[in-house]
Amino acid sequence: MQLSTSIAVVDYGMGNLRSVAKALEYIAPGRQILVTSKPDEILASERVVFPGQGAMPDCMRELDARGLREAVLAAAKNKPFLGICIGLQMLFEHSEEGDVPGLGILPGQVIRFNMDEFKDQHLKVPHMGWNQVRQTKSHPLWVGIADSAQFYFVHSYYVETNNQELTVGETAYPNVFTSCVARDNIFAAQFHPEKSHISGLNLLSNFVSWKP
């Protein structure tokens, strides 16, 4: 199959894909941005963005219902691949939310924020709004982005992995959790770069030019 120069945004019926597509169109005006639920278009694209919002069980169910699992697994093996929010969580082995397995591409679990730890700190779940991301490792997608830059989050669950080599970004709420992971051709973020103003647009721009 001959690859196109398009960027595929995986549409499995969950999340606001329009904002992701609009952000990509803004930073890469010469590129074709495909919001697609067609496996062949995902497989033929040069790069893949895997976003998502909502509950993990719903996301996994809809991914399978549309026959997209194999295309996503294939893309995660050999294309520049960007996971966003639930698109990060789905890459891991298991989620407490609904007690469902993820795609198992990366080792680790998705767990809920512990409400008992929040009572004395006047914090709420979901973790919603702007927060800092500390860059724990250098990565091409961090180029031009200040360490501890602010990004926009909306989530009640986060990933926990024993493989610390995966973690490239951390955030405190109130305890430190992994907010960005990377391995080979995969980069995934718990925050929403498409809603994160200049820093988010810089990250998306870096992704478009990234050659892992």
Protein backbone atom coordinates (compact mmCIF):
# COMPACT_ATOMS: atom_id res chain seq x y z
CA MET A 1 0.00 0.00 0.00
CA GLN A 2 1.40 3.38 -1.03
CA LEU A 3 1.38 5.90 1.79
CA SER A 4 -0.20 9.31 1.31
CA THR A 5 1.04 12.46 3.02
CA SER A 6 -2.23 12.78 4.89
CA ILE A 7 -2.68 12.91 8.65
CA ALA A 8 -5.48 10.63 9.84
CA VAL A 9 -7.53 11.58 12.90
CA VAL A 10 -9.16 8.34 14.05
CA ASP A 11 -12.93 8.74 14.34
CA TYR A 12 -14.53 6.03 16.47
CA GLY A 13 -17.47 8.18 17.50
CA MET A 14 -16.04 9.55 20.76
CA GLY A 15 -14.83 13.08 21.43
CA ASN A 16 -14.68 16.43 19.72
CA LEU A 17 -12.59 15.61 16.69
CA ARG A 18 -13.34 18.89 14.96
CA SER A 19 -11.12 20.88 17.33
CA VAL A 20 -8.25 18.44 16.77
CA ALA A 21 -8.65 18.63 13.00
CA LYS A 22 -8.91 22.43 13.03
CA ALA A 23 -5.73 22.74 15.09
CA LEU A 24 -3.87 20.45 12.66
CA GLU A 25 -5.19 22.39 9.67
CA TYR A 26 -3.95 25.60 11.29
CA ILE A 27 -0.39 24.41 11.92
CA ALA A 28 -0.10 22.31 8.74
CA PRO A 29 -2.07 24.19 6.06
CA GLY A 30 -0.51 22.26 3.20
CA ARG A 31 -1.40 18.83 4.55
CA GLN A 32 -4.57 16.81 4.07
CA ILE A 33 -6.26 16.20 7.42
CA LEU A 34 -8.61 13.22 7.32
CA VAL A 35 -11.11 12.68 10.13
CA THR A 36 -11.81 9.07 9.29
CA SER A 37 -13.42 5.87 10.48
CA LYS A 38 -12.07 3.91 7.51
CA PRO A 39 -9.28 1.44 8.31
CA ASP A 40 -7.79 1.70 4.81
CA GLU A 41 -7.41 5.48 5.12
CA ILE A 42 -5.71 5.09 8.50
CA LEU A 43 -3.35 2.46 7.10
CA ALA A 44 -2.55 4.60 4.04
CA SER A 45 -1.88 7.80 5.98
CA GLU A 46 1.59 9.03 6.84
CA ARG A 47 0.70 9.99 10.44
CA VAL A 48 -2.07 9.09 12.85
CA VAL A 49 -3.70 11.06 15.66
CA PHE A 50 -5.73 9.00 18.13
CA PRO A 51 -7.88 11.32 20.27
CA GLY A 52 -10.80 10.60 22.53
CA GLN A 53 -13.13 11.81 25.25
CA GLY A 54 -15.64 9.93 27.37
CA ALA A 55 -15.63 6.66 29.29
CA MET A 56 -13.05 4.01 28.54
CA PRO A 57 -15.57 1.13 28.16
CA ASP A 58 -17.54 3.14 25.59
CA CYS A 59 -14.39 4.06 23.69
CA MET A 60 -13.12 0.47 23.49
CA ARG A 61 -16.57 -0.79 22.46
CA GLU A 62 -16.94 1.80 19.69
CA LEU A 63 -13.41 1.20 18.42
CA ASP A 64 -14.23 -2.48 17.94
CA ALA A 65 -17.74 -1.83 16.61
CA ARG A 66 -16.23 0.22 13.77
CA GLY A 67 -13.56 -2.38 13.02
CA LEU A 68 -10.74 0.01 13.81
CA ARG A 69 -8.72 -1.95 16.37
CA GLU A 70 -6.36 -3.63 13.89
CA ALA A 71 -5.76 -0.41 11.96
CA VAL A 72 -4.87 1.44 15.18
CA LEU A 73 -2.58 -1.38 16.32
CA ALA A 74 -0.83 -1.37 12.95
CA ALA A 75 -0.43 2.41 12.95
CA ALA A 76 1.03 2.33 16.45
CA LYS A 77 3.72 -0.04 15.22
CA ASN A 78 5.06 1.86 12.24
CA LYS A 79 3.76 5.44 11.88
CA PRO A 80 4.27 8.68 13.79
CA PHE A 81 1.42 8.21 16.27
CA LEU A 82 -0.06 10.77 18.66
CA GLY A 83 -2.49 9.71 21.41
CA ILE A 84 -4.60 12.38 23.14
CA CYS A 85 -6.51 12.02 26.46
CA ILE A 86 -8.44 8.73 26.26
CA GLY A 87 -6.27 8.02 23.22
CA LEU A 88 -3.37 7.82 25.70
CA GLN A 89 -5.25 5.64 28.18
CA MET A 90 -6.45 3.16 25.55
CA LEU A 91 -2.84 2.31 24.67
CA PHE A 92 -2.33 0.64 28.05
CA GLU A 93 -3.24 -2.81 29.31
CA HIS A 94 -6.21 -2.25 31.61
CA SER A 95 -8.48 0.46 33.01
CA GLU A 96 -10.23 0.62 36.35
CA GLU A 97 -12.98 2.52 34.58
CA GLY A 98 -15.43 -0.25 33.80
CA ASP A 99 -12.75 -2.88 34.49
CA VAL A 100 -11.91 -3.19 30.79
CA PRO A 101 -8.76 -4.18 28.91
CA GLY A 102 -7.08 -1.59 26.73
CA LEU A 103 -5.12 -2.17 23.54
CA GLY A 104 -2.09 -3.43 25.46
CA ILE A 105 0.43 -1.56 23.33
CA LEU A 106 2.14 -0.09 26.40
CA PRO A 107 2.59 -1.69 29.85
CA GLY A 108 0.57 -0.22 32.69
CA GLN A 109 -2.84 0.50 34.16
CA VAL A 110 -5.36 3.33 34.08
CA ILE A 111 -6.52 4.26 37.59
CA ARG A 112 -8.83 6.85 39.12
CA PHE A 113 -7.66 9.78 41.20
CA ASN A 114 -7.98 8.90 44.89
CA MET A 115 -10.70 11.16 46.28
CA ASP A 116 -9.48 10.64 49.86
CA GLU A 117 -6.25 12.45 48.97
CA PHE A 118 -8.19 15.44 47.68
CA LYS A 119 -10.42 16.20 50.66
CA ASP A 120 -7.98 18.43 52.53
CA GLN A 121 -6.68 20.20 49.44
CA HIS A 122 -9.96 21.50 48.02
CA LEU A 123 -9.38 19.74 44.71
CA LYS A 124 -12.05 18.16 42.54
CA VAL A 125 -12.37 15.27 40.16
CA PRO A 126 -12.29 15.51 37.22
CA HIS A 127 -8.98 17.30 37.01
CA MET A 128 -10.12 20.13 34.74
CA GLY A 129 -8.24 23.18 33.54
CA TRP A 130 -4.68 24.36 33.10
CA ASN A 131 -1.75 22.65 34.76
CA GLN A 132 2.00 22.41 34.33
CA VAL A 133 3.78 19.57 32.57
CA ARG A 134 7.34 18.92 33.72
CA GLN A 135 9.43 17.43 30.95
CA THR A 136 11.21 14.43 32.45
CA LYS A 137 13.07 13.51 29.26
CA SER A 138 14.02 15.34 26.10
CA HIS A 139 11.91 14.49 23.07
CA PRO A 140 11.45 15.98 19.58
CA LEU A 141 7.86 16.94 20.45
CA TRP A 142 9.12 19.14 23.30
CA VAL A 143 11.27 21.30 21.02
CA GLY A 144 10.46 24.98 21.50
CA ILE A 145 8.18 24.28 24.49
CA ALA A 146 9.31 25.55 27.89
CA ASP A 147 9.66 23.05 30.70
CA SER A 148 6.65 23.28 33.05
CA ALA A 149 4.54 24.91 30.34
CA GLN A 150 0.80 24.92 30.95
CA PHE A 151 -1.54 22.55 29.11
CA TYR A 152 -5.29 21.96 29.33
CA PHE A 153 -6.58 18.82 31.09
CA VAL A 154 -9.98 17.17 31.51
CA HIS A 155 -9.83 13.71 33.11
CA SER A 156 -10.69 11.60 36.15
CA TYR A 157 -8.28 8.73 35.42
CA TYR A 158 -4.56 8.62 34.72
CA VAL A 159 -1.97 6.06 33.65
CA GLU A 160 0.38 4.27 36.02
CA THR A 161 3.31 2.30 34.62
CA ASN A 162 6.27 0.53 36.18
CA ASN A 163 8.32 1.25 33.06
CA GLN A 164 9.69 4.68 33.88
CA GLU A 165 11.45 4.83 30.52
CA LEU A 166 8.04 5.53 28.98
CA THR A 167 7.40 8.71 30.97
CA VAL A 168 8.45 11.95 29.27
CA GLY A 169 6.13 14.33 31.17
CA GLU A 170 4.72 14.58 34.68
CA THR A 171 2.02 16.71 36.31
CA ALA A 172 1.00 17.23 39.94
CA TYR A 173 -2.66 16.99 41.03
CA PRO A 174 -1.91 16.93 43.94
CA ASN A 175 0.44 13.95 43.63
CA VAL A 176 2.69 13.57 40.62
CA PHE A 177 1.28 11.42 37.80
CA THR A 178 2.47 10.51 34.32
CA SER A 179 0.93 12.96 31.85
CA CYS A 180 3.01 12.13 28.74
CA VAL A 181 4.57 8.93 27.47
CA ALA A 182 6.72 8.11 24.47
CA ARG A 183 8.25 5.04 22.90
CA ASP A 184 9.74 4.73 19.43
CA ASN A 185 7.13 6.22 17.03
CA ILE A 186 4.48 6.80 19.74
CA PHE A 187 3.90 9.97 21.75
CA ALA A 188 0.78 10.29 23.90
CA ALA A 189 -0.49 13.01 26.23
CA GLN A 190 -3.18 13.10 28.88
CA PHE A 191 -3.81 16.78 28.15
CA HIS A 192 -5.46 18.28 25.06
CA PRO A 193 -2.86 20.00 22.85
CA GLU A 194 -5.63 21.27 20.56
CA LYS A 195 -7.01 23.28 23.51
CA SER A 196 -3.63 24.37 24.90
CA HIS A 197 -2.94 27.54 22.92
CA ILE A 198 0.66 28.19 21.81
CA SER A 199 2.30 25.30 23.65
CA GLY A 200 -0.27 22.85 22.32
CA LEU A 201 0.06 24.13 18.76
CA ASN A 202 3.85 23.87 19.05
CA LEU A 203 3.53 20.26 20.11
CA LEU A 204 1.22 19.47 17.18
CA SER A 205 3.59 21.25 14.80
CA ASN A 206 6.48 19.17 16.15
CA PHE A 207 4.43 16.04 15.61
CA VAL A 208 3.76 16.91 11.97
CA SER A 209 7.50 17.24 11.28
CA TRP A 210 8.62 14.40 13.58
CA LYS A 211 10.67 11.64 11.93
CA PRO A 212 10.99 8.87 14.53
